[in-house]
Protein backbone atom coordinates (compact mmCIF):
# COMPACT_ATOMS: atom_id res chain seq x y z
CA MET A 1 -46.23 -34.76 -18.59
CA LYS A 2 -44.10 -33.80 -16.19
CA GLU A 3 -40.90 -35.81 -15.02
CA GLU A 4 -39.84 -34.96 -11.41
CA VAL A 5 -36.02 -35.07 -11.30
CA LEU A 6 -35.82 -34.64 -7.13
CA ARG A 7 -38.14 -34.70 -4.46
CA MET A 8 -36.77 -34.37 -0.73
CA ASP A 9 -39.74 -35.30 1.12
CA ARG A 10 -39.91 -34.46 5.06
CA ILE A 11 -36.84 -34.71 6.04
CA THR A 12 -35.36 -34.26 9.19
CA PHE A 13 -31.47 -34.49 9.20
CA ARG A 14 -29.15 -33.66 12.32
CA GLU A 15 -25.36 -34.16 12.48
CA GLN A 16 -23.70 -33.53 16.38
CA GLY A 17 -27.15 -33.37 18.23
CA ALA A 18 -28.06 -30.65 15.94
CA THR A 19 -30.78 -30.62 13.96
CA GLU A 20 -29.85 -29.16 10.11
CA LEU A 21 -32.75 -29.89 8.38
CA ASN A 22 -36.33 -29.97 9.93
CA HIS A 23 -39.49 -31.03 7.99
CA PHE A 24 -37.77 -30.25 4.43
CA CYS A 25 -39.61 -30.63 1.21
CA LEU A 26 -38.46 -29.55 -2.04
CA ASP A 27 -39.22 -30.42 -5.18
CA ILE A 28 -37.92 -30.11 -9.11
CA ASP A 29 -38.99 -30.83 -12.53
CA ALA A 30 -36.66 -31.74 -15.46
CA GLY A 31 -35.53 -29.12 -17.52
CA GLU A 32 -37.06 -26.48 -14.00
CA ILE A 33 -34.77 -23.79 -12.70
CA VAL A 34 -36.00 -23.65 -9.42
CA GLY A 35 -34.24 -21.06 -7.15
CA LEU A 36 -32.92 -21.19 -3.47
CA ILE A 37 -33.36 -18.11 -1.20
CA PRO A 38 -31.50 -19.35 2.38
CA VAL A 39 -32.85 -16.21 4.61
CA ASN A 40 -30.12 -18.12 6.97
CA ASP A 41 -27.16 -20.74 6.42
CA THR A 42 -29.18 -23.31 9.14
CA GLY A 43 -29.58 -26.24 6.90
CA LEU A 44 -28.02 -25.32 4.02
CA ALA A 45 -24.74 -27.21 3.53
CA ALA A 46 -26.44 -29.94 5.17
CA MET A 47 -29.10 -29.95 2.34
CA ILE A 48 -26.13 -29.57 -0.22
CA ARG A 49 -24.19 -32.85 1.20
CA LEU A 50 -27.26 -34.58 0.95
CA LEU A 51 -28.14 -33.87 -1.91
CA ARG A 52 -24.34 -35.59 -3.15
CA GLN A 53 -24.46 -38.40 -0.72
CA ASN A 54 -27.10 -40.21 0.99
CA LEU A 55 -26.17 -39.87 4.54
CA PRO A 56 -28.48 -41.37 7.21
CA LEU A 57 -31.72 -39.29 7.98
CA HIS A 58 -33.76 -39.52 11.34
CA TYR A 59 -36.70 -38.77 9.05
CA GLY A 60 -37.79 -38.63 5.08
CA TYR A 61 -37.36 -39.44 2.03
CA VAL A 62 -34.93 -38.42 -1.27
CA TYR A 63 -36.20 -39.48 -4.83
CA TYR A 64 -33.60 -38.53 -7.68
CA ARG A 65 -35.05 -39.35 -11.09
CA GLY A 66 -38.06 -41.18 -10.08
CA LYS A 67 -36.12 -43.69 -8.09
CA LEU A 68 -35.83 -43.43 -4.29
CA VAL A 69 -32.23 -43.03 -3.37
CA ASN A 70 -32.08 -42.93 0.62
CA HIS A 71 -34.40 -42.53 3.45
CA TRP A 72 -34.92 -42.96 7.20
CA GLN A 73 -34.57 -46.78 7.43
CA ASP A 74 -31.62 -47.52 5.33
CA SER A 75 -29.14 -45.25 4.24
CA ASP A 76 -25.91 -46.95 2.02
CA LEU A 77 -23.64 -43.57 1.83
CA SER A 78 -24.13 -44.20 -1.62
CA TYR A 79 -23.25 -40.90 -4.07
CA ASN A 80 -26.13 -39.54 -6.28
CA ARG A 81 -24.62 -37.79 -10.25
CA ILE A 82 -26.00 -34.45 -9.12
CA GLY A 83 -23.36 -31.30 -10.11
CA VAL A 84 -22.68 -28.93 -7.45
CA ILE A 85 -20.75 -25.41 -8.75
CA GLU A 86 -19.77 -23.48 -5.99
CA SER A 87 -17.68 -19.86 -5.81
CA ARG A 88 -14.62 -21.67 -5.16
CA SER A 89 -13.46 -23.36 -7.93
CA GLY A 90 -12.94 -27.00 -8.51
CA LEU A 91 -11.00 -27.56 -11.21
CA ALA A 92 -7.33 -28.91 -11.18
CA ASP A 93 -5.35 -25.89 -12.29
CA ASP A 94 -2.63 -27.89 -13.84
CA LEU A 95 -4.99 -29.68 -16.15
CA THR A 96 -6.32 -28.53 -19.17
CA VAL A 97 -10.43 -27.94 -19.69
CA ALA A 98 -10.49 -31.53 -21.57
CA ASP A 99 -8.90 -33.43 -18.76
CA ASN A 100 -10.64 -31.52 -16.06
CA VAL A 101 -13.88 -32.76 -18.32
CA PHE A 102 -12.96 -36.33 -18.87
CA VAL A 103 -10.36 -37.64 -16.73
CA LEU A 104 -11.27 -36.62 -13.59
CA ARG A 105 -14.82 -37.77 -14.27
CA GLN A 106 -16.11 -40.73 -12.02
CA GLY A 107 -15.94 -43.82 -14.35
CA PHE A 108 -12.90 -42.97 -16.35
CA ARG A 109 -10.90 -45.85 -16.60
CA LYS A 110 -8.83 -44.87 -19.43
CA LEU A 111 -5.08 -46.68 -19.40
CA PHE A 112 -3.64 -44.19 -21.88
CA ILE A 113 -4.91 -40.16 -22.56
CA ARG A 114 -5.30 -39.03 -25.87
CA ARG A 115 -5.34 -35.31 -26.04
CA LYS A 116 -6.47 -35.05 -29.56
CA VAL A 117 -9.43 -37.81 -28.95
CA LEU A 118 -10.46 -36.22 -25.75
CA ASN A 119 -10.35 -32.28 -27.31
CA ARG A 120 -12.12 -33.27 -30.30
CA GLN A 121 -15.18 -35.69 -28.19
CA LEU A 122 -15.20 -31.66 -25.95
CA GLU A 123 -15.65 -29.44 -29.16
CA PRO A 124 -19.33 -30.09 -29.85
CA PHE A 125 -20.25 -29.03 -25.93
CA LEU A 126 -17.94 -26.57 -26.33
CA ARG A 127 -19.65 -25.06 -29.33
CA GLU A 128 -23.23 -25.82 -27.87
CA THR A 129 -22.78 -23.15 -24.95
CA GLY A 130 -21.54 -20.44 -27.38
CA VAL A 131 -18.61 -19.42 -25.21
CA ALA A 132 -14.85 -19.12 -27.15
CA LEU A 133 -13.23 -21.92 -24.48
CA ALA A 134 -10.26 -23.97 -26.16
CA ALA A 135 -10.49 -27.18 -25.09
CA ASP A 136 -6.73 -28.05 -24.56
CA ALA A 137 -6.41 -24.26 -22.25
CA TYR A 138 -5.32 -25.04 -19.26
CA ALA A 139 -7.43 -24.39 -16.26
CA LYS A 140 -4.96 -22.03 -14.00
CA ASP A 141 -5.15 -19.35 -17.11
CA LEU A 142 -8.76 -19.18 -17.50
CA SER A 143 -10.53 -16.39 -15.69
CA ALA A 144 -13.47 -17.03 -13.50
CA PHE A 145 -16.39 -17.38 -16.18
CA PRO A 146 -14.78 -19.72 -18.45
CA ARG A 147 -14.02 -21.57 -15.38
CA PHE A 148 -17.80 -21.72 -14.14
CA ILE A 149 -18.48 -22.77 -17.65
CA THR A 150 -15.82 -25.53 -17.92
CA GLU A 151 -17.43 -27.01 -14.25
CA LEU A 152 -20.71 -26.65 -15.86
CA VAL A 153 -19.76 -28.91 -18.68
CA LYS A 154 -18.02 -30.76 -16.78
CA ALA A 155 -21.52 -31.50 -15.36
CA VAL A 156 -23.27 -32.31 -17.94
CA VAL A 157 -20.94 -34.31 -19.49
CA ALA A 158 -20.75 -36.55 -16.41
CA GLY A 159 -24.65 -37.12 -16.81
CA CYS A 160 -26.11 -35.05 -14.23
CA ARG A 161 -29.66 -34.12 -14.56
CA LEU A 162 -29.58 -31.38 -11.66
CA ILE A 163 -26.74 -29.28 -11.46
CA VAL A 164 -26.59 -27.14 -8.09
CA LEU A 165 -25.73 -23.26 -9.19
CA MET A 166 -24.55 -21.74 -5.53
CA GLU A 167 -24.52 -18.14 -5.89
CA PRO A 168 -22.84 -17.85 -9.47
CA ALA A 169 -23.37 -13.99 -9.35
CA SER A 170 -21.10 -13.82 -6.60
CA VAL A 171 -17.68 -15.24 -9.05
CA ILE A 172 -19.71 -14.17 -12.29
CA SER A 173 -19.79 -10.31 -13.29
CA ASP A 174 -23.13 -8.47 -14.56
CA THR A 175 -21.77 -8.34 -18.42
CA ARG A 176 -21.69 -12.57 -18.31
CA LEU A 177 -24.68 -13.44 -16.22
CA GLY A 178 -26.76 -12.67 -19.67
CA THR A 179 -24.93 -15.38 -21.56
CA LEU A 180 -25.18 -18.09 -18.62
CA GLN A 181 -28.80 -17.26 -18.05
CA ARG A 182 -28.91 -18.21 -21.79
CA ILE A 183 -26.56 -21.23 -21.55
CA LEU A 184 -29.14 -22.68 -18.38
CA ARG A 185 -32.23 -22.12 -20.66
CA HIS A 186 -30.23 -24.15 -23.45
CA TYR A 187 -29.48 -26.94 -21.15
CA ALA A 188 -33.10 -26.54 -19.32
CA SER A 189 -34.92 -27.50 -22.77
CA ALA A 190 -32.58 -30.58 -23.12
CA GLY A 191 -34.15 -31.45 -19.82
CA ILE A 192 -31.02 -30.76 -17.36
CA SER A 193 -32.47 -29.17 -14.04
CA PHE A 194 -31.02 -26.25 -11.99
CA LEU A 195 -31.48 -25.23 -8.35
CA TYR A 196 -30.16 -22.01 -8.35
CA VAL A 197 -28.56 -20.72 -4.61
CA SER A 198 -28.94 -16.75 -4.21
CA ARG A 199 -29.13 -14.79 -1.65
CA HIS A 200 -31.24 -11.99 -3.81
CA TYR A 201 -34.76 -12.74 -4.81
CA GLU A 202 -33.81 -9.80 -7.31
CA GLU A 203 -31.18 -11.37 -9.11
CA ALA A 204 -33.33 -15.05 -8.91
CA ARG A 205 -36.37 -13.78 -10.69
CA GLN A 206 -34.55 -13.13 -13.76
CA ILE A 207 -33.91 -16.84 -14.49
CA CYS A 208 -35.70 -18.96 -12.24
CA THR A 209 -39.56 -19.59 -12.54
CA ARG A 210 -40.43 -19.88 -9.05
CA ALA A 211 -38.24 -19.59 -6.00
CA ALA A 212 -37.93 -21.53 -2.65
CA ILE A 213 -37.63 -19.65 0.61
CA MET A 214 -35.17 -21.33 3.01
CA VAL A 215 -35.51 -20.23 7.14
CA ASN A 216 -33.75 -22.16 9.86
CA GLY A 217 -33.59 -25.71 7.50
CA GLN A 218 -37.27 -25.51 6.31
CA ILE A 219 -38.56 -24.35 3.09
CA ALA A 220 -41.23 -21.04 4.09
CA LYS A 221 -42.71 -20.57 1.01
CA THR A 222 -42.24 -21.25 -2.61
CA VAL A 223 -43.21 -18.50 -4.82
CA SER A 224 -43.79 -17.58 -8.56
CA THR A 225 -41.08 -15.03 -9.63
CA ALA A 226 -43.37 -13.77 -12.06
CA ASP A 227 -45.87 -12.39 -10.22
CA THR A 228 -44.09 -12.23 -6.53
CA PRO A 229 -42.57 -8.68 -5.83
CA PRO A 230 -39.45 -8.37 -3.33
CA GLU A 231 -41.36 -6.56 -0.86
CA THR A 232 -43.61 -10.07 -0.70
CA LEU A 233 -40.58 -11.57 1.08
CA GLN A 234 -40.17 -8.94 4.04
CA CYS A 235 -41.94 -11.22 6.31
CA PHE A 236 -38.92 -13.75 6.15
CA GLY A 237 -36.20 -12.30 8.40
CA VAL A 238 -35.65 -9.17 6.34
CA GLU A 239 -37.48 -6.48 8.23
CA ALA A 240 -34.89 -5.36 10.37
CA TYR A 241 -32.26 -4.70 7.95
CA THR A 242 -34.61 -2.65 5.66
CA GLN A 243 -35.53 -0.62 8.04
CA MET A 244 -31.36 -0.33 9.31
CA VAL A 245 -31.00 0.92 5.79
CA ARG A 246 -33.99 3.17 5.49
CA ARG A 247 -32.71 4.94 9.09
CA GLN A 248 -29.77 5.01 7.56
CA GLU A 249 -30.69 6.60 4.46
CA ARG A 250 -32.60 9.40 5.93
CA THR A 251 -29.78 10.66 8.48
CA LYS A 252 -26.43 9.91 6.61
CA ALA A 253 -24.51 13.05 5.36
CA VAL A 254 -22.84 13.37 2.19
CA PRO A 255 -19.25 13.98 2.53
CA MET A 256 -17.72 17.48 1.70
CA GLY A 257 -14.73 18.30 -0.32
CA SER A 258 -11.48 17.84 0.88
CA THR A 259 -8.25 16.33 0.63
CA PRO A 260 -9.12 12.69 -0.79
CA ALA A 261 -8.19 9.43 1.18
CA LEU A 262 -7.65 7.63 -1.97
CA GLU A 263 -6.79 8.66 -5.63
CA MET A 264 -5.50 6.47 -8.36
CA ARG A 265 -4.39 8.43 -11.31
CA ASN A 266 -4.29 6.78 -14.43
CA LEU A 267 -3.29 3.56 -12.81
CA ARG A 268 -2.66 0.82 -14.78
CA TYR A 269 -1.01 -2.71 -14.06
CA GLY A 270 -2.04 -6.29 -14.96
CA SER A 271 -5.95 -6.25 -16.64
CA ILE A 272 -5.73 -2.34 -15.13
CA ARG A 273 -6.10 0.46 -17.84
CA SER A 274 -6.28 3.84 -16.80
CA LEU A 275 -7.85 3.58 -14.06
CA ASN A 276 -8.88 7.14 -12.20
CA VAL A 277 -11.17 6.73 -8.96
CA CYS A 278 -11.06 9.17 -6.38
CA VAL A 279 -12.62 8.72 -2.32
CA ALA A 280 -13.52 11.25 0.16
CA PRO A 281 -12.69 10.74 4.05
CA GLY A 282 -15.92 8.99 5.00
CA GLU A 283 -17.44 8.19 1.82
CA CYS A 284 -18.57 4.59 0.78
CA VAL A 285 -17.64 3.97 -3.18
CA VAL A 286 -18.50 0.63 -4.72
CA LEU A 287 -15.83 -0.46 -7.93
CA GLN A 288 -17.95 -2.64 -9.56
CA ASP A 289 -15.65 -4.73 -11.63
CA LEU A 290 -18.09 -5.85 -14.58
CA ASN A 291 -15.48 -8.53 -16.52
CA ASN A 292 -14.14 -9.93 -12.50
CA HIS A 293 -10.44 -9.06 -13.56
CA ILE A 294 -8.96 -6.48 -12.14
CA ILE A 295 -10.03 -7.10 -8.10
CA SER A 296 -7.18 -9.31 -7.87
CA ASP A 297 -4.58 -6.22 -9.34
CA LEU A 298 -5.79 -4.08 -7.06
CA ILE A 299 -5.66 -6.35 -4.13
CA ALA A 300 -1.70 -6.50 -4.79
CA LEU A 301 -1.16 -2.97 -5.50
CA PHE A 302 -3.52 -2.06 -2.03
CA SER A 303 -1.12 -4.51 -0.13
CA GLY A 304 2.24 -3.32 -1.39
CA ALA A 305 3.14 -6.86 -3.24
CA ARG A 306 3.09 -4.92 -6.73
CA LYS A 307 3.77 -1.56 -8.02
CA PRO A 308 1.97 -0.41 -10.48
CA ALA A 309 3.01 -0.39 -14.44
CA SER A 310 2.66 3.37 -14.68
CA GLY A 311 -0.12 6.05 -12.96
CA THR A 312 0.15 6.94 -9.38
CA ILE A 313 -2.25 5.96 -6.49
CA LEU A 314 -1.98 8.53 -3.70
CA THR A 315 -3.39 8.87 -0.19
CA GLY A 316 -3.93 11.43 1.69
CA GLY A 317 -2.45 13.48 -1.19
CA ARG A 318 1.05 11.50 -0.73
CA PRO A 319 1.97 8.83 -3.04
CA PHE A 320 1.13 5.65 -1.64
CA ALA A 321 4.87 3.59 -0.65
CA ALA A 322 5.97 0.89 1.50
CA LYS A 323 6.17 2.82 4.33
CA ARG A 324 2.93 4.13 3.84
CA LEU A 325 1.43 0.34 3.94
CA ARG A 326 -0.96 1.46 7.07
CA ASP A 327 -2.92 4.06 5.31
CA VAL A 328 -4.95 1.09 3.39
CA ALA A 329 -6.29 -1.76 5.48
CA VAL A 330 -7.86 -4.57 3.05
CA ILE A 331 -10.05 -6.98 4.19
CA GLN A 332 -10.26 -9.70 2.12
CA GLN A 333 -13.31 -11.34 0.75
CA GLN A 334 -14.48 -13.82 3.41
CA PRO A 335 -12.05 -12.41 5.96
CA THR A 336 -12.80 -14.81 8.60
CA GLN A 337 -11.20 -17.59 6.76
CA THR A 338 -7.91 -15.46 5.74
CA MET A 339 -7.51 -12.97 7.93
CA LEU A 340 -7.16 -14.62 11.15
CA PHE A 341 -3.92 -16.26 12.83
CA PRO A 342 -4.92 -19.20 14.72
CA GLU A 343 -1.71 -19.78 16.49
CA LEU A 344 -1.65 -16.10 17.41
CA SER A 345 -4.03 -14.98 20.60
CA TYR A 346 -7.46 -13.20 20.55
CA MET A 347 -4.94 -9.54 21.52
CA ASP A 348 -1.87 -10.96 19.09
CA ASN A 349 -4.57 -10.47 16.10
CA LEU A 350 -6.18 -7.58 17.28
CA CYS A 351 -3.09 -5.60 17.32
CA PHE A 352 -1.80 -7.10 14.28
CA THR A 353 -1.63 -3.72 12.34
CA LEU A 354 -0.91 -1.19 15.10
CA ASP A 355 3.43 -1.16 14.88
CA HIS A 356 2.81 1.54 13.46
CA ARG A 357 0.72 3.71 15.78
CA ILE A 358 2.40 2.11 18.97
CA ALA A 359 6.18 1.96 19.82
CA ASN A 360 7.17 -1.56 20.99
CA ILE A 361 3.21 -2.67 21.29
CA TRP A 362 4.81 -6.32 21.49
CA ARG A 363 7.10 -5.80 24.33
CA ARG A 364 4.88 -3.58 26.78
CA SER A 365 1.67 -5.01 28.24
CA ALA A 366 0.23 -1.73 29.27
CA PRO A 367 -1.00 -0.54 25.78
CA GLN A 368 -2.35 -3.91 24.98
CA GLN A 369 -4.12 -3.51 28.28
CA SER A 370 -5.65 0.10 27.61
CA ILE A 371 -6.74 -1.84 24.40
CA ARG A 372 -8.34 -4.26 26.23
CA SER A 373 -10.19 -2.36 28.78
CA GLU A 374 -11.25 0.30 25.96
CA LEU A 375 -12.59 -2.53 23.86
CA ALA A 376 -13.97 -5.04 26.37
CA PRO A 377 -17.70 -3.30 26.72
CA MET A 378 -18.09 -3.69 22.56
CA LEU A 379 -16.32 -6.79 21.61
CA GLY A 380 -17.05 -8.76 25.22
CA GLU A 381 -14.21 -9.13 28.09
CA ALA A 382 -13.97 -13.17 27.67
CA VAL A 383 -13.08 -12.92 23.88
CA PHE A 384 -9.86 -11.61 25.04
CA ASP A 385 -8.93 -14.83 26.43
CA GLN A 386 -10.51 -17.30 23.58
CA PRO A 387 -8.66 -19.25 21.21
CA VAL A 388 -9.13 -17.87 17.96
CA GLU A 389 -10.82 -20.70 16.15
CA THR A 390 -13.10 -21.00 18.63
CA LEU A 391 -14.85 -17.68 18.48
CA SER A 392 -18.43 -17.63 16.77
CA GLN A 393 -18.10 -16.16 13.32
CA GLN A 394 -20.01 -12.78 14.89
CA GLN A 395 -17.10 -12.51 17.13
CA GLN A 396 -14.39 -13.19 13.90
CA TYR A 397 -15.99 -10.51 12.16
CA ASP A 398 -16.09 -8.02 14.72
CA LEU A 399 -12.06 -9.01 15.43
CA VAL A 400 -11.13 -8.25 11.87
CA TYR A 401 -13.04 -5.17 11.42
CA THR A 402 -12.08 -3.75 14.74
CA ARG A 403 -8.71 -4.37 13.75
CA ALA A 404 -9.17 -1.99 11.11
CA LEU A 405 -10.50 0.42 12.75
CA LEU A 406 -7.74 0.42 15.54
CA GLN A 407 -4.88 0.61 12.54
CA ARG A 408 -6.81 4.44 11.78
CA PRO A 409 -6.26 3.70 8.12
CA ARG A 410 -7.14 6.74 5.34
CA VAL A 411 -9.18 3.75 3.63
CA ALA A 412 -10.31 0.51 4.24
CA VAL A 413 -10.71 -1.98 1.19
CA CYS A 414 -13.69 -4.20 1.35
CA VAL A 415 -13.33 -7.24 -0.87
CA GLN A 416 -17.18 -8.49 -1.53
CA PRO A 417 -17.83 -8.10 2.09
CA PHE A 418 -21.32 -9.21 1.88
CA MET A 419 -20.50 -12.64 -0.53
CA GLY A 420 -22.03 -15.80 1.19
CA ALA A 421 -23.36 -13.98 4.27
CA ASP A 422 -26.82 -14.82 5.62
CA VAL A 423 -28.80 -11.93 6.72
CA GLU A 424 -28.00 -11.70 10.06
CA ARG A 425 -24.18 -11.64 9.07
CA ARG A 426 -24.68 -8.84 6.16
CA MET A 427 -26.58 -6.70 9.09
CA GLN A 428 -23.39 -7.30 11.19
CA ILE A 429 -21.29 -6.77 8.03
CA TRP A 430 -23.38 -3.40 7.42
CA LYS A 431 -22.81 -2.14 10.58
CA LEU A 432 -18.96 -2.42 10.57
CA ILE A 433 -18.53 -0.76 7.88
CA GLU A 434 -20.81 2.00 8.58
CA ARG A 435 -18.88 1.89 12.14
CA LEU A 436 -15.52 2.70 9.60
CA LEU A 437 -17.16 5.69 7.53
CA GLU A 438 -18.52 7.21 10.98
CA LYS A 439 -14.69 7.44 11.86
CA GLY A 440 -14.20 9.32 8.88
CA ILE A 441 -12.58 6.10 7.22
CA ALA A 442 -13.03 6.24 3.25
CA VAL A 443 -14.53 2.86 2.26
CA LEU A 444 -13.47 1.43 -1.24
CA ILE A 445 -15.66 -2.00 -1.63
CA LEU A 446 -14.39 -4.09 -4.45
CA ALA A 447 -17.41 -6.13 -5.64
CA VAL A 448 -18.40 -7.94 -9.27
CA ASN A 449 -22.01 -8.44 -7.70
CA LEU A 450 -23.38 -5.69 -5.73
CA ALA A 451 -25.51 -7.69 -3.06
CA ASP A 452 -25.82 -5.51 -0.23
CA SER A 453 -23.71 -2.62 -1.84
CA LEU A 454 -25.28 0.23 -2.49
CA SER A 455 -27.14 0.28 0.73
CA LEU A 456 -24.03 1.69 1.78
CA ALA A 457 -22.64 3.22 -1.32
CA ASP A 458 -22.74 7.05 -2.05
CA ARG A 459 -21.23 6.31 -5.14
CA LEU A 460 -21.59 3.47 -7.73
CA ILE A 461 -18.42 3.20 -10.27
CA GLN A 462 -18.51 0.48 -12.94
CA VAL A 463 -15.59 -0.74 -14.52
CA LEU A 464 -15.08 -2.72 -17.75
CA GLY A 465 -12.22 -3.61 -19.74
CA GLY A 466 -9.78 -2.02 -16.74
CA ALA A 467 -11.35 1.60 -17.39
CA VAL A 468 -14.10 3.46 -15.85
CA GLN A 469 -17.50 3.12 -17.46
CA ALA A 470 -19.65 4.35 -15.66
CA VAL A 471 -20.27 6.58 -12.48
CA TYR A 472 -23.63 6.24 -10.62
CA GLU A 473 -24.03 8.99 -8.04
CA ARG A 474 -26.89 7.78 -5.28
CA GLU A 475 -29.68 10.21 -6.57
CA ASP A 476 -28.95 7.75 -9.74
CA PHE A 477 -29.15 4.45 -8.19
CA ALA A 478 -32.87 3.73 -9.27
CA THR A 479 -31.58 3.71 -13.12
CA LEU A 480 -29.58 1.27 -12.74
CA PRO A 481 -31.57 -2.59 -13.92
CA PRO A 482 -33.80 -3.98 -11.99
CA SER A 483 -31.80 -7.01 -11.24
CA ALA A 484 -29.37 -4.84 -9.34
CA PRO A 485 -30.44 -5.32 -5.21
CA TRP A 486 -31.80 -3.38 -3.34
CA HIS A 487 -33.17 -1.69 -6.40
CA ASP A 488 -36.83 -1.36 -5.43
CA PHE A 489 -35.52 0.14 -2.47
CA TRP A 490 -33.61 2.64 -4.64
CA ALA A 491 -36.81 3.82 -6.98
CA ARG A 492 -38.82 3.98 -4.21
CA THR A 493 -36.47 6.35 -2.28
CA GLU A 494 -36.41 8.74 -5.92
CA LYS A 495 -39.98 8.35 -6.38
CA GLN A 496 -40.45 9.65 -2.92
CA ALA A 497 -38.13 12.58 -3.13
CA ARG A 498 -39.91 13.65 -6.55
CA ASN A 499 -43.21 13.65 -4.84
CA ASP A 500 -41.67 15.85 -1.48
CA PRO A 501 -42.51 19.43 -1.81
């Protein structure tokens, strides 16, 4: 007999006058791994907050472990023992693994902390995962996967019978996803349930028994992952995106040989071990870090914060040095949160990296007025007079990528550009990257999870242990594992190419 762990029944939830969830229904049984595929972001954050805390509802009922914990007539603001693991780690860096698991747990009341006792108590839980993880290791010294496992163990030890995993593939490499799936199945066999939130159905179907498609704060459809192919989901707002990619695939020209925009020759620094990569002008190359070790090192090198221990970085055939920093534009992960300066005006944000092209740009108004006149038809006239923090997310993304375009770098390094983006935002980012490519700017996408990067890529370079492990040309993308996003698209493209006379 099935035991119900969670039921959200006809939930309507409003915040600041806006309806975030509308007749939202979701149920999860004990030991079940259920996928949640958000087509857009409407209501997703609100649903997570409602799982954590029993906030006032406009209508509906929430049951957790068979008990009515929240309903529209009475919300007591209490917290539910439900774990949520997000892409941004919630661990305290200066504490050990054992301290994070036990000491920060709700209800821990020990006056004196006996580390040996805590370490001994944690060991069985760590052995259960099969992951080599020391109880006395400090969180700041852990890489992404051990941090994720620590948070998972913390939720299990805290007694959470439902754990929400927010896009785990955005921080966990392909080489580790199989290990995570094994651990999840182990805990599921013990009756712990999981809500696996992913933007890509191909990923969710590898581990989930069924998946709920969330659109505009509602569950539009729940499908069995065992017998539902990805193309069945085309009716949920992604047709335009797919058609856009198909048009690009038919018209995109393969970059011709010329002086490479970027070369890395026998590069060594940090976790990077003899890395050799070459990117041509106008070419899009995805560099997939299979164990999520080198992305931060590459960012440090491209931003000029560090120098290689050995090897060479060349831009346009010349050594990359401090005086040539503008040859590379680094667009950080989730750039609207990390690359905008609220204390500066829109125009100052836009021209932030133009000092190498236009002399005295900060002292003369004429160049700025010329830029405004040129870009107003594309960006909109009104945005130039708005505070940056009041811009919509679409306008903020336009600002970040247009800044990179004005910089005219030889190469734009995009760090996990599609991470956390819904379909509408992914389409916008896709078009913005394509605009860079059309201007002859090379694009190097640094990724842990492939997400939508393959839909733009000319080549895929997989890196393991700091060195190149495999290289896939565009015509080889169909040979990637079926879990790769856009795999079915490339498989159909390859099949069509074979059938064409």
